[in-house]
PDB file of N, CA and C in Angstrom:
ATOM      1  N   MET A   1    -102.020-124.123   2.959  1.00  0.00           N
ATOM      2  CA  MET A   1    -101.477-125.267   3.646  1.00  0.00           C
ATOM      3  C   MET A   1    -100.934-124.779   4.988  1.00  0.00           C
ATOM      4  N   ILE A   2    -101.265-125.509   6.017  1.00  0.00           N
ATOM      5  CA  ILE A   2    -100.726-125.205   7.339  1.00  0.00           C
ATOM      6  C   ILE A   2     -99.632-126.224   7.619  1.00  0.00           C
ATOM      7  N   HIS A   3     -98.420-125.725   7.736  1.00  0.00           N
ATOM      8  CA  HIS A   3     -97.264-126.583   8.007  1.00  0.00           C
ATOM      9  C   HIS A   3     -96.983-126.530   9.502  1.00  0.00           C
ATOM     10  N   LEU A   4     -97.224-127.645  10.174  1.00  0.00           N
ATOM     11  CA  LEU A   4     -96.967-127.738  11.611  1.00  0.00           C
ATOM     12  C   LEU A   4     -95.510-128.127  11.789  1.00  0.00           C
ATOM     13  N   ASP A   5     -94.700-127.156  12.149  1.00  0.00           N
ATOM     14  CA  ASP A   5     -93.252-127.324  12.191  1.00  0.00           C
ATOM     15  C   ASP A   5     -92.788-127.784  13.572  1.00  0.00           C
ATOM     16  N   LEU A   6     -91.970-128.812  13.586  1.00  0.00           N
ATOM     17  CA  LEU A   6     -91.397-129.327  14.822  1.00  0.00           C
ATOM     18  C   LEU A   6     -89.993-129.807  14.508  1.00  0.00           C
ATOM     19  N   PRO A   7     -88.982-129.289  15.194  1.00  0.00           N
ATOM     20  CA  PRO A   7     -87.615-129.729  14.915  1.00  0.00           C
ATOM     21  C   PRO A   7     -87.466-131.247  15.113  1.00  0.00           C
ATOM     22  N   ASP A   8     -86.619-131.845  14.298  1.00  0.00           N
ATOM     23  CA  ASP A   8     -86.410-133.292  14.389  1.00  0.00           C
ATOM     24  C   ASP A   8     -86.019-133.736  15.796  1.00  0.00           C
ATOM     25  N   SER A   9     -85.248-132.909  16.497  1.00  0.00           N
ATOM     26  CA  SER A   9     -84.827-133.282  17.856  1.00  0.00           C
ATOM     27  C   SER A   9     -86.037-133.405  18.783  1.00  0.00           C
ATOM     28  N   GLU A  10     -87.035-132.536  18.596  1.00  0.00           N
ATOM     29  CA  GLU A  10     -88.242-132.604  19.423  1.00  0.00           C
ATOM     30  C   GLU A  10     -89.120-133.769  18.995  1.00  0.00           C
ATOM     31  N   VAL A  11     -89.181-134.038  17.695  1.00  0.00           N
ATOM     32  CA  VAL A  11     -89.909-135.222  17.215  1.00  0.00           C
ATOM     33  C   VAL A  11     -89.308-136.465  17.871  1.00  0.00           C
ATOM     34  N   GLU A  12     -87.995-136.558  17.860  1.00  0.00           N
ATOM     35  CA  GLU A  12     -87.314-137.709  18.461  1.00  0.00           C
ATOM     36  C   GLU A  12     -87.629-137.815  19.950  1.00  0.00           C
ATOM     37  N   ARG A  13     -87.542-136.707  20.661  1.00  0.00           N
ATOM     38  CA  ARG A  13     -87.816-136.715  22.104  1.00  0.00           C
ATOM     39  C   ARG A  13     -89.223-137.226  22.381  1.00  0.00           C
ATOM     40  N   ARG A  14     -90.209-136.735  21.610  1.00  0.00           N
ATOM     41  CA  ARG A  14     -91.599-137.127  21.830  1.00  0.00           C
ATOM     42  C   ARG A  14     -91.859-138.577  21.423  1.00  0.00           C
ATOM     43  N   VAL A  15     -91.339-138.981  20.285  1.00  0.00           N
ATOM     44  CA  VAL A  15     -91.584-140.348  19.802  1.00  0.00           C
ATOM     45  C   VAL A  15     -90.958-141.370  20.744  1.00  0.00           C
ATOM     46  N   LEU A  16     -89.738-141.112  21.186  1.00  0.00           N
ATOM     47  CA  LEU A  16     -89.065-142.078  22.053  1.00  0.00           C
ATOM     48  C   LEU A  16     -89.670-142.133  23.451  1.00  0.00           C
ATOM     49  N   ALA A  17     -90.542-141.191  23.774  1.00  0.00           N
ATOM     50  CA  ALA A  17     -91.232-141.184  25.073  1.00  0.00           C
ATOM     51  C   ALA A  17     -92.625-141.804  24.982  1.00  0.00           C
ATOM     52  N   ARG A  18     -93.002-142.311  23.790  1.00  0.00           N
ATOM     53  CA  ARG A  18     -94.333-142.924  23.657  1.00  0.00           C
ATOM     54  C   ARG A  18     -94.327-144.331  24.233  1.00  0.00           C
ATOM     55  N   ARG A  19     -95.463-144.668  24.848  1.00  0.00           N
ATOM     56  CA  ARG A  19     -95.663-146.037  25.346  1.00  0.00           C
ATOM     57  C   ARG A  19     -97.082-146.445  25.001  1.00  0.00           C
ATOM     58  N   LEU A  20     -97.282-147.740  24.879  1.00  0.00           N
ATOM     59  CA  LEU A  20     -98.560-148.321  24.495  1.00  0.00           C
ATOM     60  C   LEU A  20     -98.878-149.434  25.483  1.00  0.00           C
ATOM     61  N   CYS A  21    -100.127-149.502  25.954  1.00  0.00           N
ATOM     62  CA  CYS A  21    -100.518-150.578  26.855  1.00  0.00           C
ATOM     63  C   CYS A  21    -100.675-151.860  26.048  1.00  0.00           C
ATOM     64  N   ALA A  22     -99.987-152.897  26.481  1.00  0.00           N
ATOM     65  CA  ALA A  22    -100.070-154.195  25.803  1.00  0.00           C
ATOM     66  C   ALA A  22    -101.449-154.820  25.997  1.00  0.00           C
ATOM     67  N   GLY A  23    -102.174-154.390  27.032  1.00  0.00           N
ATOM     68  CA  GLY A  23    -103.488-154.957  27.305  1.00  0.00           C
ATOM     69  C   GLY A  23    -104.617-154.290  26.543  1.00  0.00           C
ATOM     70  N   CYS A  24    -104.780-152.982  26.743  1.00  0.00           N
ATOM     71  CA  CYS A  24    -105.947-152.289  26.167  1.00  0.00           C
ATOM     72  C   CYS A  24    -105.606-151.357  25.010  1.00  0.00           C
ATOM     73  N   GLY A  25    -104.323-151.129  24.770  1.00  0.00           N
ATOM     74  CA  GLY A  25    -103.931-150.274  23.650  1.00  0.00           C
ATOM     75  C   GLY A  25    -103.884-148.796  23.950  1.00  0.00           C
ATOM     76  N   MET A  26    -104.107-148.394  25.206  1.00  0.00           N
ATOM     77  CA  MET A  26    -104.070-146.976  25.592  1.00  0.00           C
ATOM     78  C   MET A  26    -102.684-146.406  25.298  1.00  0.00           C
ATOM     79  N   ASP A  27    -102.658-145.183  24.722  1.00  0.00           N
ATOM     80  CA  ASP A  27    -101.398-144.502  24.419  1.00  0.00           C
ATOM     81  C   ASP A  27    -100.980-143.625  25.589  1.00  0.00           C
ATOM     82  N   TYR A  28     -99.682-143.576  25.836  1.00  0.00           N
ATOM     83  CA  TYR A  28     -99.114-142.715  26.865  1.00  0.00           C
ATOM     84  C   TYR A  28     -97.931-141.962  26.302  1.00  0.00           C
ATOM     85  N   SER A  29     -97.691-140.783  26.849  1.00  0.00           N
ATOM     86  CA  SER A  29     -96.477-140.029  26.595  1.00  0.00           C
ATOM     87  C   SER A  29     -95.815-139.851  27.952  1.00  0.00           C
ATOM     88  N   LEU A  30     -94.591-140.312  28.076  1.00  0.00           N
ATOM     89  CA  LEU A  30     -93.907-140.174  29.353  1.00  0.00           C
ATOM     90  C   LEU A  30     -93.544-138.716  29.636  1.00  0.00           C
ATOM     91  N   ILE A  31     -93.754-137.856  28.646  1.00  0.00           N
ATOM     92  CA  ILE A  31     -93.497-136.424  28.812  1.00  0.00           C
ATOM     93  C   ILE A  31     -94.737-135.725  29.349  1.00  0.00           C
ATOM     94  N   GLU A  32     -95.897-135.977  28.731  1.00  0.00           N
ATOM     95  CA  GLU A  32     -97.106-135.231  29.073  1.00  0.00           C
ATOM     96  C   GLU A  32     -98.199-136.057  29.733  1.00  0.00           C
ATOM     97  N   ASN A  33     -98.155-137.360  29.614  1.00  0.00           N
ATOM     98  CA  ASN A  33     -99.261-138.193  30.074  1.00  0.00           C
ATOM     99  C   ASN A  33     -98.713-139.469  30.719  1.00  0.00           C
ATOM    100  N   SER A  34     -97.875-139.308  31.725  1.00  0.00           N
ATOM    101  CA  SER A  34     -97.270-140.466  32.370  1.00  0.00           C
ATOM    102  C   SER A  34     -98.305-141.230  33.175  1.00  0.00           C
ATOM    103  N   PRO A  35     -98.171-142.550  33.239  1.00  0.00           N
ATOM    104  CA  PRO A  35     -99.093-143.326  34.070  1.00  0.00           C
ATOM    105  C   PRO A  35     -98.819-143.069  35.552  1.00  0.00           C
ATOM    106  N   SER A  36     -99.798-143.364  36.376  1.00  0.00           N
ATOM    107  CA  SER A  36     -99.634-143.172  37.822  1.00  0.00           C
ATOM    108  C   SER A  36     -98.515-144.039  38.374  1.00  0.00           C
ATOM    109  N   GLU A  37     -98.427-145.276  37.862  1.00  0.00           N
ATOM    110  CA  GLU A  37     -97.385-146.203  38.296  1.00  0.00           C
ATOM    111  C   GLU A  37     -96.510-146.528  37.096  1.00  0.00           C
ATOM    112  N   ASP A  38     -95.198-146.358  37.248  1.00  0.00           N
ATOM    113  CA  ASP A  38     -94.269-146.595  36.140  1.00  0.00           C
ATOM    114  C   ASP A  38     -94.500-147.949  35.491  1.00  0.00           C
ATOM    115  N   GLY A  39     -94.625-147.928  34.171  1.00  0.00           N
ATOM    116  CA  GLY A  39     -94.705-149.161  33.406  1.00  0.00           C
ATOM    117  C   GLY A  39     -96.045-149.863  33.409  1.00  0.00           C
ATOM    118  N   MET A  40     -97.059-149.257  34.084  1.00  0.00           N
ATOM    119  CA  MET A  40     -98.371-149.901  34.153  1.00  0.00           C
ATOM    120  C   MET A  40     -99.469-148.961  33.685  1.00  0.00           C
ATOM    121  N   CYS A  41    -100.401-149.504  32.936  1.00  0.00           N
ATOM    122  CA  CYS A  41    -101.531-148.740  32.404  1.00  0.00           C
ATOM    123  C   CYS A  41    -102.493-148.357  33.527  1.00  0.00           C
ATOM    124  N   ASP A  42    -102.895-147.098  33.528  1.00  0.00           N
ATOM    125  CA  ASP A  42    -103.880-146.629  34.512  1.00  0.00           C
ATOM    126  C   ASP A  42    -105.255-147.235  34.267  1.00  0.00           C
ATOM    127  N   ALA A  43    -105.578-147.537  33.009  1.00  0.00           N
ATOM    128  CA  ALA A  43    -106.915-148.026  32.661  1.00  0.00           C
ATOM    129  C   ALA A  43    -107.106-149.493  33.013  1.00  0.00           C
ATOM    130  N   CYS A  44    -106.114-150.341  32.677  1.00  0.00           N
ATOM    131  CA  CYS A  44    -106.329-151.780  32.861  1.00  0.00           C
ATOM    132  C   CYS A  44    -105.230-152.480  33.654  1.00  0.00           C
ATOM    133  N   GLY A  45    -104.162-151.759  33.997  1.00  0.00           N
ATOM    134  CA  GLY A  45    -103.067-152.371  34.742  1.00  0.00           C
ATOM    135  C   GLY A  45    -102.095-153.145  33.868  1.00  0.00           C
ATOM    136  N   GLY A  46    -102.303-153.088  32.550  1.00  0.00           N
ATOM    137  CA  GLY A  46    -101.421-153.801  31.626  1.00  0.00           C
ATOM    138  C   GLY A  46    -100.030-153.186  31.571  1.00  0.00           C
ATOM    139  N   GLU A  47     -99.114-153.948  31.000  1.00  0.00           N
ATOM    140  CA  GLU A  47     -97.729-153.503  30.856  1.00  0.00           C
ATOM    141  C   GLU A  47     -97.629-152.473  29.729  1.00  0.00           C
ATOM    142  N   LEU A  48     -96.852-151.398  29.985  1.00  0.00           N
ATOM    143  CA  LEU A  48     -96.606-150.409  28.946  1.00  0.00           C
ATOM    144  C   LEU A  48     -95.355-150.796  28.172  1.00  0.00           C
ATOM    145  N   ILE A  49     -95.492-150.793  26.858  1.00  0.00           N
ATOM    146  CA  ILE A  49     -94.389-151.197  25.993  1.00  0.00           C
ATOM    147  C   ILE A  49     -94.112-150.105  24.961  1.00  0.00           C
ATOM    148  N   LYS A  50     -92.919-150.179  24.366  1.00  0.00           N
ATOM    149  CA  LYS A  50     -92.593-149.293  23.246  1.00  0.00           C
ATOM    150  C   LYS A  50     -93.091-149.948  21.978  1.00  0.00           C
ATOM    151  N   ARG A  51     -93.560-149.137  21.044  1.00  0.00           N
ATOM    152  CA  ARG A  51     -93.908-149.676  19.740  1.00  0.00           C
ATOM    153  C   ARG A  51     -92.628-150.162  19.068  1.00  0.00           C
ATOM    154  N   GLU A  52     -92.754-151.194  18.247  1.00  0.00           N
ATOM    155  CA  GLU A  52     -91.580-151.760  17.564  1.00  0.00           C
ATOM    156  C   GLU A  52     -90.831-150.725  16.747  1.00  0.00           C
ATOM    157  N   ASP A  53     -91.564-149.803  16.143  1.00  0.00           N
ATOM    158  CA  ASP A  53     -90.921-148.826  15.267  1.00  0.00           C
ATOM    159  C   ASP A  53     -90.538-147.533  15.986  1.00  0.00           C
ATOM    160  N   ASP A  54     -90.670-147.479  17.291  1.00  0.00           N
ATOM    161  CA  ASP A  54     -90.247-146.300  18.053  1.00  0.00           C
ATOM    162  C   ASP A  54     -88.808-146.470  18.540  1.00  0.00           C
ATOM    163  N   THR A  55     -87.905-146.600  17.578  1.00  0.00           N
ATOM    164  CA  THR A  55     -86.473-146.675  17.865  1.00  0.00           C
ATOM    165  C   THR A  55     -85.794-145.525  17.136  1.00  0.00           C
ATOM    166  N   GLN A  56     -84.596-145.178  17.571  1.00  0.00           N
ATOM    167  CA  GLN A  56     -83.865-144.098  16.906  1.00  0.00           C
ATOM    168  C   GLN A  56     -83.604-144.446  15.443  1.00  0.00           C
ATOM    169  N   GLU A  57     -83.292-145.702  15.173  1.00  0.00           N
ATOM    170  CA  GLU A  57     -82.994-146.118  13.801  1.00  0.00           C
ATOM    171  C   GLU A  57     -84.228-145.993  12.903  1.00  0.00           C
ATOM    172  N   ALA A  58     -85.350-146.515  13.366  1.00  0.00           N
ATOM    173  CA  ALA A  58     -86.581-146.451  12.574  1.00  0.00           C
ATOM    174  C   ALA A  58     -87.037-145.007  12.405  1.00  0.00           C
ATOM    175  N   LEU A  59     -86.891-144.216  13.450  1.00  0.00           N
ATOM    176  CA  LEU A  59     -87.297-142.817  13.379  1.00  0.00           C
ATOM    177  C   LEU A  59     -86.423-142.053  12.387  1.00  0.00           C
ATOM    178  N   ALA A  60     -85.132-142.339  12.370  1.00  0.00           N
ATOM    179  CA  ALA A  60     -84.238-141.673  11.418  1.00  0.00           C
ATOM    180  C   ALA A  60     -84.692-141.932   9.986  1.00  0.00           C
ATOM    181  N   VAL A  61     -85.107-143.162   9.696  1.00  0.00           N
ATOM    182  CA  VAL A  61     -85.607-143.498   8.360  1.00  0.00           C
ATOM    183  C   VAL A  61     -86.897-142.737   8.080  1.00  0.00           C
ATOM    184  N   ARG A  62     -87.822-142.732   9.041  1.00  0.00           N
ATOM    185  CA  ARG A  62     -89.102-142.032   8.851  1.00  0.00           C
ATOM    186  C   ARG A  62     -88.894-140.537   8.640  1.00  0.00           C
ATOM    187  N   LEU A  63     -88.006-139.934   9.420  1.00  0.00           N
ATOM    188  CA  LEU A  63     -87.757-138.503   9.272  1.00  0.00           C
ATOM    189  C   LEU A  63     -87.102-138.193   7.928  1.00  0.00           C
ATOM    190  N   ARG A  64     -86.157-139.025   7.508  1.00  0.00           N
ATOM    191  CA  ARG A  64     -85.510-138.811   6.212  1.00  0.00           C
ATOM    192  C   ARG A  64     -86.537-138.878   5.084  1.00  0.00           C
ATOM    193  N   GLU A  65     -87.397-139.888   5.132  1.00  0.00           N
ATOM    194  CA  GLU A  65     -88.442-140.027   4.110  1.00  0.00           C
ATOM    195  C   GLU A  65     -89.419-138.852   4.160  1.00  0.00           C
ATOM    196  N   TYR A  66     -89.776-138.428   5.359  1.00  0.00           N
ATOM    197  CA  TYR A  66     -90.675-137.285   5.504  1.00  0.00           C
ATOM    198  C   TYR A  66     -90.076-136.057   4.818  1.00  0.00           C
ATOM    199  N   HIS A  67     -88.807-135.746   5.136  1.00  0.00           N
ATOM    200  CA  HIS A  67     -88.176-134.558   4.569  1.00  0.00           C
ATOM    201  C   HIS A  67     -88.009-134.683   3.052  1.00  0.00           C
ATOM    202  N   GLU A  68     -87.630-135.870   2.580  1.00  0.00           N
ATOM    203  CA  GLU A  68     -87.451-136.066   1.139  1.00  0.00           C
ATOM    204  C   GLU A  68     -88.757-135.862   0.369  1.00  0.00           C
ATOM    205  N   LYS A  69     -89.865-136.292   0.963  1.00  0.00           N
ATOM    206  CA  LYS A  69     -91.150-136.209   0.268  1.00  0.00           C
ATOM    207  C   LYS A  69     -91.890-134.907   0.534  1.00  0.00           C
ATOM    208  N   THR A  70     -91.723-134.340   1.720  1.00  0.00           N
ATOM    209  CA  THR A  70     -92.502-133.168   2.109  1.00  0.00           C
ATOM    210  C   THR A  70     -91.852-131.852   1.676  1.00  0.00           C
ATOM    211  N   ASN A  71     -90.544-131.741   1.822  1.00  0.00           N
ATOM    212  CA  ASN A  71     -89.888-130.470   1.511  1.00  0.00           C
ATOM    213  C   ASN A  71     -90.126-130.001   0.075  1.00  0.00           C
ATOM    214  N   PRO A  72     -90.057-130.878  -0.933  1.00  0.00           N
ATOM    215  CA  PRO A  72     -90.351-130.395  -2.297  1.00  0.00           C
ATOM    216  C   PRO A  72     -91.780-129.862  -2.443  1.00  0.00           C
ATOM    217  N   VAL A  73     -92.731-130.493  -1.787  1.00  0.00           N
ATOM    218  CA  VAL A  73     -94.119-130.027  -1.851  1.00  0.00           C
ATOM    219  C   VAL A  73     -94.247-128.680  -1.146  1.00  0.00           C
ATOM    220  N   LEU A  74     -93.629-128.553   0.031  1.00  0.00           N
ATOM    221  CA  LEU A  74     -93.652-127.273   0.747  1.00  0.00           C
ATOM    222  C   LEU A  74     -93.036-126.173  -0.103  1.00  0.00           C
ATOM    223  N   ASP A  75     -91.931-126.471  -0.780  1.00  0.00           N
ATOM    224  CA  ASP A  75     -91.273-125.478  -1.626  1.00  0.00           C
ATOM    225  C   ASP A  75     -92.203-124.993  -2.735  1.00  0.00           C
ATOM    226  N   ILE A  76     -92.932-125.904  -3.356  1.00  0.00           N
ATOM    227  CA  ILE A  76     -93.881-125.534  -4.411  1.00  0.00           C
ATOM    228  C   ILE A  76     -94.947-124.595  -3.852  1.00  0.00           C
ATOM    229  N   PHE A  77     -95.536-124.956  -2.730  1.00  0.00           N
ATOM    230  CA  PHE A  77     -96.586-124.129  -2.142  1.00  0.00           C
ATOM    231  C   PHE A  77     -96.034-122.810  -1.608  1.00  0.00           C
ATOM    232  N   ARG A  78     -94.801-122.814  -1.094  1.00  0.00           N
ATOM    233  CA  ARG A  78     -94.210-121.556  -0.603  1.00  0.00           C
ATOM    234  C   ARG A  78     -94.019-120.568  -1.751  1.00  0.00           C
ATOM    235  N   ARG A  79     -93.626-121.058  -2.908  1.00  0.00           N
ATOM    236  CA  ARG A  79     -93.454-120.172  -4.065  1.00  0.00           C
ATOM    237  C   ARG A  79     -94.774-119.502  -4.428  1.00  0.00           C
ATOM    238  N   LYS A  80     -95.876-120.177  -4.148  1.00  0.00           N
ATOM    239  CA  LYS A  80     -97.194-119.619  -4.440  1.00  0.00           C
ATOM    240  C   LYS A  80     -97.786-118.895  -3.232  1.00  0.00           C
ATOM    241  N   GLU A  81     -97.006-118.840  -2.137  1.00  0.00           N
ATOM    242  CA  GLU A  81     -97.408-118.166  -0.898  1.00  0.00           C
ATOM    243  C   GLU A  81     -98.642-118.788  -0.266  1.00  0.00           C
ATOM    244  N   TYR A  82     -98.744-120.098  -0.340  1.00  0.00           N
ATOM    245  CA  TYR A  82     -99.879-120.804   0.243  1.00  0.00           C
ATOM    246  C   TYR A  82     -99.528-121.554   1.527  1.00  0.00           C
ATOM    247  N   VAL A  83     -98.385-121.299   2.107  1.00  0.00           N
ATOM    248  CA  VAL A  83     -97.957-122.045   3.286  1.00  0.00           C
ATOM    249  C   VAL A  83     -97.922-121.134   4.502  1.00  0.00           C
ATOM    250  N   ILE A  84     -98.582-121.585   5.545  1.00  0.00           N
ATOM    251  CA  ILE A  84     -98.514-120.933   6.845  1.00  0.00           C
ATOM    252  C   ILE A  84     -97.759-121.909   7.748  1.00  0.00           C
ATOM    253  N   THR A  85     -96.623-121.469   8.266  1.00  0.00           N
ATOM    254  CA  THR A  85     -95.831-122.339   9.137  1.00  0.00           C
ATOM    255  C   THR A  85     -96.085-121.943  10.583  1.00  0.00           C
ATOM    256  N   VAL A  86     -96.381-122.954  11.396  1.00  0.00           N
ATOM    257  CA  VAL A  86     -96.670-122.730  12.812  1.00  0.00           C
ATOM    258  C   VAL A  86     -95.740-123.614  13.644  1.00  0.00           C
ATOM    259  N   ASP A  87     -95.076-123.003  14.595  1.00  0.00           N
ATOM    260  CA  ASP A  87     -94.199-123.717  15.519  1.00  0.00           C
ATOM    261  C   ASP A  87     -95.070-124.542  16.467  1.00  0.00           C
ATOM    262  N   THR A  88     -94.855-125.840  16.516  1.00  0.00           N
ATOM    263  CA  THR A  88     -95.698-126.701  17.355  1.00  0.00           C
ATOM    264  C   THR A  88     -95.035-127.099  18.673  1.00  0.00           C
ATOM    265  N   ARG A  89     -93.973-126.397  19.061  1.00  0.00           N
ATOM    266  CA  ARG A  89     -93.352-126.697  20.349  1.00  0.00           C
ATOM    267  C   ARG A  89     -94.172-126.215  21.544  1.00  0.00           C
ATOM    268  N   PRO A  90     -94.888-125.085  21.450  1.00  0.00           N
ATOM    269  CA  PRO A  90     -95.714-124.670  22.598  1.00  0.00           C
ATOM    270  C   PRO A  90     -96.864-125.647  22.848  1.00  0.00           C
ATOM    271  N   GLY A  91     -97.632-125.398  23.864  1.00  0.00           N
ATOM    272  CA  GLY A  91     -98.769-126.250  24.200  1.00  0.00           C
ATOM    273  C   GLY A  91     -99.848-126.228  23.127  1.00  0.00           C
ATOM    274  N   LYS A  92    -100.770-127.174  23.230  1.00  0.00           N
ATOM    275  CA  LYS A  92    -101.822-127.351  22.215  1.00  0.00           C
ATOM    276  C   LYS A  92    -102.660-126.095  22.026  1.00  0.00           C
ATOM    277  N   GLN A  93    -103.054-125.452  23.111  1.00  0.00           N
ATOM    278  CA  GLN A  93    -103.898-124.255  22.986  1.00  0.00           C
ATOM    279  C   GLN A  93    -103.153-123.114  22.306  1.00  0.00           C
ATOM    280  N   GLN A  94    -101.861-122.962  22.621  1.00  0.00           N
ATOM    281  CA  GLN A  94    -101.081-121.902  21.982  1.00  0.00           C
ATOM    282  C   GLN A  94    -100.921-122.169  20.484  1.00  0.00           C
ATOM    283  N   VAL A  95    -100.710-123.440  20.130  1.00  0.00           N
ATOM    284  CA  VAL A  95    -100.575-123.797  18.720  1.00  0.00           C
ATOM    285  C   VAL A  95    -101.893-123.539  17.995  1.00  0.00           C
ATOM    286  N   GLN A  96    -102.995-123.974  18.606  1.00  0.00           N
ATOM    287  CA  GLN A  96    -104.305-123.738  17.988  1.00  0.00           C
ATOM    288  C   GLN A  96    -104.543-122.246  17.782  1.00  0.00           C
ATOM    289  N   GLN A  97    -104.216-121.444  18.788  1.00  0.00           N
ATOM    290  CA  GLN A  97    -104.441-120.006  18.655  1.00  0.00           C
ATOM    291  C   GLN A  97    -103.526-119.400  17.603  1.00  0.00           C
ATOM    292  N   ALA A  98    -102.301-119.874  17.507  1.00  0.00           N
ATOM    293  CA  ALA A  98    -101.383-119.375  16.473  1.00  0.00           C
ATOM    294  C   ALA A  98    -101.948-119.659  15.084  1.00  0.00           C
ATOM    295  N   ILE A  99    -102.514-120.843  14.904  1.00  0.00           N
ATOM    296  CA  ILE A  99    -103.135-121.186  13.618  1.00  0.00           C
ATOM    297  C   ILE A  99    -104.303-120.249  13.347  1.00  0.00           C
ATOM    298  N   ARG A 100    -105.160-120.065  14.344  1.00  0.00           N
ATOM    299  CA  ARG A 100    -106.334-119.189  14.181  1.00  0.00           C
ATOM    300  C   ARG A 100    -105.887-117.766  13.847  1.00  0.00           C
ATOM    301  N   ASP A 101    -104.854-117.273  14.520  1.00  0.00           N
ATOM    302  CA  ASP A 101    -104.346-115.930  14.256  1.00  0.00           C
ATOM    303  C   ASP A 101    -103.845-115.809  12.817  1.00  0.00           C
ATOM    304  N   ARG A 102    -103.090-116.808  12.378  1.00  0.00           N
ATOM    305  CA  ARG A 102    -102.481-116.763  11.044  1.00  0.00           C
ATOM    306  C   ARG A 102    -103.510-116.828   9.918  1.00  0.00           C
ATOM    307  N   ILE A 103    -104.645-117.488  10.173  1.00  0.00           N
ATOM    308  CA  ILE A 103    -105.653-117.579   9.105  1.00  0.00           C
ATOM    309  C   ILE A 103    -106.821-116.619   9.332  1.00  0.00           C
ATOM    310  N   GLY A 104    -106.681-115.766  10.346  1.00  0.00           N
ATOM    311  CA  GLY A 104    -107.663-114.699  10.537  1.00  0.00           C
ATOM    312  C   GLY A 104    -108.939-115.097  11.244  1.00  0.00           C
ATOM    313  N   LEU A 105    -108.887-116.133  12.071  1.00  0.00           N
ATOM    314  CA  LEU A 105    -110.070-116.522  12.842  1.00  0.00           C
ATOM    315  C   LEU A 105    -110.001-115.916  14.239  1.00  0.00           C
ATOM    316  N   PRO A 106    -111.147-115.647  14.854  1.00  0.00           N
ATOM    317  CA  PRO A 106    -111.137-115.128  16.227  1.00  0.00           C
ATOM    318  C   PRO A 106    -110.657-116.214  17.193  1.00  0.00           C
ATOM    319  N   PRO A 107    -110.297-115.815  18.402  1.00  0.00           N
ATOM    320  CA  PRO A 107    -109.875-116.813  19.394  1.00  0.00           C
ATOM    321  C   PRO A 107    -110.964-117.865  19.619  1.00  0.00           C
ATOM    322  N   SER A 108    -110.540-119.084  19.892  1.00  0.00           N
ATOM    323  CA  SER A 108    -111.510-120.135  20.196  1.00  0.00           C
ATOM    324  C   SER A 108    -112.164-119.821  21.535  1.00  0.00           C
ATOM    325  N   ARG A 109    -113.300-120.445  21.782  1.00  0.00           N
ATOM    326  CA  ARG A 109    -114.000-120.214  23.054  1.00  0.00           C
ATOM    327  C   ARG A 109    -113.128-120.642  24.228  1.00  0.00           C
ATOM    328  N   LEU A 110    -112.374-121.729  24.077  1.00  0.00           N
ATOM    329  CA  LEU A 110    -111.498-122.178  25.162  1.00  0.00           C
ATOM    330  C   LEU A 110    -110.394-121.180  25.438  1.00  0.00           C
ATOM    331  N   THR A 111    -109.784-120.666  24.375  1.00  0.00           N
ATOM    332  CA  THR A 111    -108.724-119.690  24.546  1.00  0.00           C
ATOM    333  C   THR A 111    -109.263-118.409  25.144  1.00  0.00           C
ATOM    334  N   ALA A 112    -110.398-117.956  24.664  1.00  0.00           N
ATOM    335  CA  ALA A 112    -111.012-116.735  25.201  1.00  0.00           C
ATOM    336  C   ALA A 112    -111.390-116.908  26.664  1.00  0.00           C
ATOM    337  N   ALA A 113    -111.940-118.074  27.011  1.00  0.00           N
ATOM    338  CA  ALA A 113    -112.347-118.340  28.403  1.00  0.00           C
ATOM    339  C   ALA A 113    -111.128-118.383  29.316  1.00  0.00           C
ATOM    340  N   SER A 114    -110.028-119.008  28.865  1.00  0.00           N
ATOM    341  CA  SER A 114    -108.843-119.071  29.716  1.00  0.00           C
ATOM    342  C   SER A 114    -108.197-117.709  29.853  1.00  0.00           C
ATOM    343  N   SER A 115    -108.265-116.858  28.798  1.00  0.00           N
ATOM    344  CA  SER A 115    -107.738-115.497  28.884  1.00  0.00           C
ATOM    345  C   SER A 115    -108.526-114.670  29.878  1.00  0.00           C
ATOM    346  N   GLN A 116    -109.856-114.851  29.882  1.00  0.00           N
ATOM    347  CA  GLN A 116    -110.702-114.128  30.834  1.00  0.00           C
ATOM    348  C   GLN A 116    -110.414-114.584  32.265  1.00  0.00           C
ATOM    349  N   ALA A 117    -110.203-115.875  32.443  1.00  0.00           N
ATOM    350  CA  ALA A 117    -109.912-116.405  33.779  1.00  0.00           C
ATOM    351  C   ALA A 117    -108.546-115.885  34.254  1.00  0.00           C
ATOM    352  N   ASP A 118    -107.578-115.793  33.344  1.00  0.00           N
ATOM    353  CA  ASP A 118    -106.254-115.274  33.701  1.00  0.00           C
ATOM    354  C   ASP A 118    -106.320-113.810  34.120  1.00  0.00           C
ATOM    355  N   ALA A 119    -107.221-113.061  33.505  1.00  0.00           N
ATOM    356  CA  ALA A 119    -107.357-111.625  33.794  1.00  0.00           C
ATOM    357  C   ALA A 119    -107.936-111.369  35.179  1.00  0.00           C
ATOM    358  N   ARG A 120    -108.673-112.363  35.684  1.00  0.00           N
ATOM    359  CA  ARG A 120    -109.305-112.189  37.003  1.00  0.00           C
ATOM    360  C   ARG A 120    -108.321-112.307  38.071  1.00  0.00           C
TER     361      ARG A 120
END
């Protein structure tokens, strides 16, 4: 089992920064994928809105339920040494490479190509 670990504070930061286009449904993250113009979709010009359940109160319930249901399962698998925990705070490529490293796979072609470009 690969456990993608993210502190609740970071989950909250990311979830509360999500926006959805009311017109076309395009997803945005105000952290990593902000629209060109505040509050407007780049694809269709529609208004960006928060999802109804992207509130601190709703998130607190979701996180509590997640921990109540997931932690016992993780504990069972950890006792059998079947859990690989990966910190998901770094960027996507770093997380992917950490997973590959932990399960014994070679670097992905993208990671290898970017490493070669960095070396130049």
